């Protein structure tokens, strides 16, 4: 088995990297507003854990919606950060790279609260894995933390406060806005976990 993690640089994927220690990490710049900060967070995480890191750049910003694209949310959006078919797109792009690296298992950073979106549910992950497994390469898609809240994941991962400080969770900017759903989650999780970071996010 050869593992790769879709490492966005957010709290959840960074904690999974510390917890599961994949052999490879793949970070995507798909035209999201916070791409550069996410790449920096993912890069620092991979350096700390000695994980082979691949960065893919494909500009899909013209197809985006909501906070991450800097646009008005689509009428179908269940929340302001919804981007149509985003996880399906990210998994497909990451899989295109993963198959060239002989990866057998691609991990994604979905947690329990992501079930607000259909592409954050166990049903979606199962369907994506079935589709990838059906195709050449038989790639398996898994969400190892899907039954965990972010607080539970952080505690399970053993990540230190200093390492978690690298995570970038803002949906709107490379500099945390402090008011989007991503930033609000960051503050709430840190409070629940009891981490007091010198560098606010």
Protein backbone atom coordinates (compact mmCIF):
# COMPACT_ATOMS: atom_id res chain seq x y z
CA UNK A 1 0.00 0.00 0.00
CA UNK A 2 1.27 3.46 -0.95
CA UNK A 3 -0.57 6.44 0.53
CA UNK A 4 -1.09 10.04 -0.51
CA UNK A 5 -2.96 12.79 1.32
CA UNK A 6 -4.80 15.64 -0.35
CA UNK A 7 -3.19 18.29 1.86
CA UNK A 8 -4.98 21.64 1.67
CA UNK A 9 -3.01 23.21 4.51
CA UNK A 10 -6.15 23.65 6.63
CA UNK A 11 -6.54 22.37 10.20
CA UNK A 12 -8.09 19.06 9.25
CA UNK A 13 -5.64 17.96 6.57
CA UNK A 14 -2.62 19.16 8.58
CA UNK A 15 -3.82 17.15 11.60
CA UNK A 16 -4.34 14.08 9.40
CA UNK A 17 -0.79 14.44 8.08
CA UNK A 18 0.53 14.35 11.66
CA UNK A 19 -1.76 11.47 12.57
CA UNK A 20 -1.43 9.20 9.55
CA UNK A 21 1.99 10.19 8.14
CA UNK A 22 1.29 9.58 4.42
CA UNK A 23 4.20 8.88 2.10
CA UNK A 24 3.10 11.64 -0.30
CA UNK A 25 1.11 14.86 0.01
CA UNK A 26 -0.61 16.63 -2.88
CA UNK A 27 -1.64 20.29 -2.64
CA UNK A 28 -3.81 21.98 -5.24
CA UNK A 29 -3.93 25.58 -6.37
CA UNK A 30 -7.19 25.53 -8.31
CA UNK A 31 -7.74 29.29 -8.30
CA UNK A 32 -9.00 29.63 -4.72
CA UNK A 33 -8.39 32.98 -3.04
CA UNK A 34 -6.18 31.55 -0.27
CA UNK A 35 -4.07 29.28 -2.49
CA UNK A 36 -0.66 30.72 -1.64
CA UNK A 37 -1.16 30.57 2.13
CA UNK A 38 -2.51 27.03 1.85
CA UNK A 39 0.55 25.97 -0.15
CA UNK A 40 2.87 27.55 2.43
CA UNK A 41 1.09 25.75 5.29
CA UNK A 42 1.21 22.43 3.47
CA UNK A 43 4.89 22.91 2.57
CA UNK A 44 5.90 23.59 6.18
CA UNK A 45 3.95 20.54 7.34
CA UNK A 46 5.67 18.31 4.80
CA UNK A 47 9.08 19.65 5.75
CA UNK A 48 8.42 18.93 9.42
CA UNK A 49 7.24 15.38 8.71
CA UNK A 50 9.61 14.61 5.82
CA UNK A 51 6.71 13.92 3.44
CA UNK A 52 7.21 14.04 -0.33
CA UNK A 53 5.21 17.05 -1.49
CA UNK A 54 3.68 17.76 -4.90
CA UNK A 55 1.94 21.01 -5.83
CA UNK A 56 -0.52 21.09 -8.73
CA UNK A 57 -1.72 24.34 -10.30
CA UNK A 58 -4.86 24.31 -12.44
CA UNK A 59 -6.84 27.56 -12.62
CA UNK A 60 -10.53 26.71 -12.18
CA UNK A 61 -11.47 30.10 -10.70
CA UNK A 62 -13.89 30.85 -13.54
CA UNK A 63 -15.96 27.86 -12.36
CA UNK A 64 -15.93 28.76 -8.67
CA UNK A 65 -18.59 30.17 -6.39
CA UNK A 66 -18.78 31.82 -2.99
CA UNK A 67 -16.08 32.84 -0.53
CA UNK A 68 -13.28 30.72 -1.95
CA UNK A 69 -13.72 32.20 -5.43
CA UNK A 70 -14.52 35.72 -4.26
CA UNK A 71 -17.95 35.59 -5.87
CA UNK A 72 -21.58 35.58 -4.87
CA UNK A 73 -22.61 32.10 -3.72
CA UNK A 74 -24.44 29.96 -6.25
CA UNK A 75 -28.19 29.49 -5.71
CA UNK A 76 -27.56 25.82 -4.83
CA UNK A 77 -25.04 26.65 -2.09
CA UNK A 78 -25.84 25.31 1.40
CA UNK A 79 -23.20 27.69 2.82
CA UNK A 80 -21.13 30.68 1.69
CA UNK A 81 -18.00 28.58 1.12
CA UNK A 82 -19.62 26.13 -1.31
CA UNK A 83 -17.85 25.64 -4.67
CA UNK A 84 -19.76 23.43 -7.17
CA UNK A 85 -18.38 19.89 -7.32
CA UNK A 86 -15.23 21.04 -5.55
CA UNK A 87 -14.28 17.80 -3.79
CA UNK A 88 -15.00 15.79 -6.91
CA UNK A 89 -12.69 18.11 -8.85
CA UNK A 90 -9.93 18.03 -6.22
CA UNK A 91 -9.98 14.26 -5.89
CA UNK A 92 -9.87 13.82 -9.66
CA UNK A 93 -6.95 16.23 -10.09
CA UNK A 94 -5.04 14.69 -7.18
CA UNK A 95 -5.70 11.19 -8.54
CA UNK A 96 -4.22 12.17 -11.91
CA UNK A 97 -0.94 12.88 -10.12
CA UNK A 98 -1.23 10.06 -7.60
CA UNK A 99 -1.48 7.36 -10.26
CA UNK A 100 1.84 8.48 -11.76
CA UNK A 101 3.42 7.97 -8.33
CA UNK A 102 2.02 4.43 -7.90
CA UNK A 103 -0.26 5.54 -5.07
CA UNK A 104 -2.87 2.95 -4.11
CA UNK A 105 -4.78 4.90 -1.42
CA UNK A 106 -5.68 8.59 -1.64
CA UNK A 107 -6.74 10.16 1.66
CA UNK A 108 -8.88 13.29 1.91
CA UNK A 109 -9.33 15.61 4.89
CA UNK A 110 -13.08 15.29 5.37
CA UNK A 111 -14.35 15.47 8.97
CA UNK A 112 -17.78 14.99 10.54
CA UNK A 113 -18.88 18.64 10.20
CA UNK A 114 -18.24 18.57 6.45
CA UNK A 115 -21.45 16.55 6.12
CA UNK A 116 -23.16 19.92 5.69
CA UNK A 117 -22.14 19.52 2.05
CA UNK A 118 -23.05 16.35 0.15
CA UNK A 119 -19.43 16.00 -0.98
CA UNK A 120 -18.46 15.75 2.69
CA UNK A 121 -20.54 12.66 3.42
CA UNK A 122 -19.65 8.98 3.64
CA UNK A 123 -21.93 8.33 0.67
CA UNK A 124 -19.91 10.69 -1.50
CA UNK A 125 -16.57 9.23 -0.41
CA UNK A 126 -17.81 5.69 -1.09
CA UNK A 127 -19.07 6.64 -4.54
CA UNK A 128 -15.84 8.42 -5.45
CA UNK A 129 -13.78 5.45 -4.28
CA UNK A 130 -15.96 3.06 -6.28
CA UNK A 131 -15.50 5.22 -9.38
CA UNK A 132 -11.72 5.52 -8.98
CA UNK A 133 -11.36 1.82 -8.14
CA UNK A 134 -13.34 0.92 -11.26
CA UNK A 135 -10.85 2.73 -13.48
CA UNK A 136 -7.29 1.91 -14.42
CA UNK A 137 -5.01 1.99 -11.40
CA UNK A 138 -7.75 0.85 -8.98
CA UNK A 139 -7.15 3.83 -6.72
CA UNK A 140 -8.95 3.73 -3.36
CA UNK A 141 -10.27 7.00 -1.90
CA UNK A 142 -10.61 7.19 1.88
CA UNK A 143 -11.49 9.82 4.48
CA UNK A 144 -9.77 8.54 7.64
CA UNK A 145 -11.20 11.28 9.89
CA UNK A 146 -14.77 11.40 8.59
CA UNK A 147 -16.19 10.09 11.88
CA UNK A 148 -14.22 12.65 13.92
CA UNK A 149 -14.95 16.25 14.78
CA UNK A 150 -11.98 18.55 14.18
CA UNK A 151 -11.39 18.75 17.94
CA UNK A 152 -11.36 14.95 18.21
CA UNK A 153 -9.02 14.71 15.22
CA UNK A 154 -6.54 17.19 16.65
CA UNK A 155 -6.47 15.33 19.95
CA UNK A 156 -6.04 11.98 18.18
CA UNK A 157 -3.30 13.31 15.90
CA UNK A 158 -1.01 14.50 18.68
CA UNK A 159 -0.14 17.63 16.70
CA UNK A 160 1.55 20.32 18.77
CA UNK A 161 0.17 23.87 19.07
CA UNK A 162 3.18 25.20 17.17
CA UNK A 163 2.64 22.82 14.27
CA UNK A 164 -1.08 23.56 14.18
CA UNK A 165 -0.24 27.27 13.95
CA UNK A 166 0.89 26.68 10.36
CA UNK A 167 -2.63 25.70 9.27
CA UNK A 168 -4.43 28.23 7.10
CA UNK A 169 -8.20 27.99 7.34
CA UNK A 170 -9.38 31.31 5.88
CA UNK A 171 -11.63 30.91 2.83
CA UNK A 172 -11.28 34.45 1.54
CA UNK A 173 -7.64 35.50 1.65
CA UNK A 174 -3.98 34.59 2.12
CA UNK A 175 -4.14 36.78 5.23
CA UNK A 176 -6.83 35.51 7.63
CA UNK A 177 -9.94 37.68 7.44
CA UNK A 178 -11.14 36.64 10.91
CA UNK A 179 -14.79 36.50 9.90
CA UNK A 180 -15.39 33.74 7.32
CA UNK A 181 -16.64 30.25 8.21
CA UNK A 182 -13.07 28.91 8.02
CA UNK A 183 -11.66 31.50 10.40
CA UNK A 184 -14.59 31.12 12.78
CA UNK A 185 -14.04 27.36 12.87
CA UNK A 186 -10.33 27.89 13.54
CA UNK A 187 -10.98 30.10 16.57
CA UNK A 188 -13.70 27.81 17.92
CA UNK A 189 -11.58 24.67 17.60
CA UNK A 190 -8.55 26.27 19.26
CA UNK A 191 -10.76 27.36 22.14
CA UNK A 192 -12.23 23.87 22.54
CA UNK A 193 -8.87 22.15 22.33
CA UNK A 194 -7.34 24.63 24.74
CA UNK A 195 -4.49 25.75 22.49
CA UNK A 196 -3.28 29.32 22.92
CA UNK A 197 -1.34 30.22 19.81
CA UNK A 198 0.83 33.31 19.63
CA UNK A 199 0.00 33.74 15.97
CA UNK A 200 -3.75 34.34 15.49
CA UNK A 201 -5.51 32.93 12.42
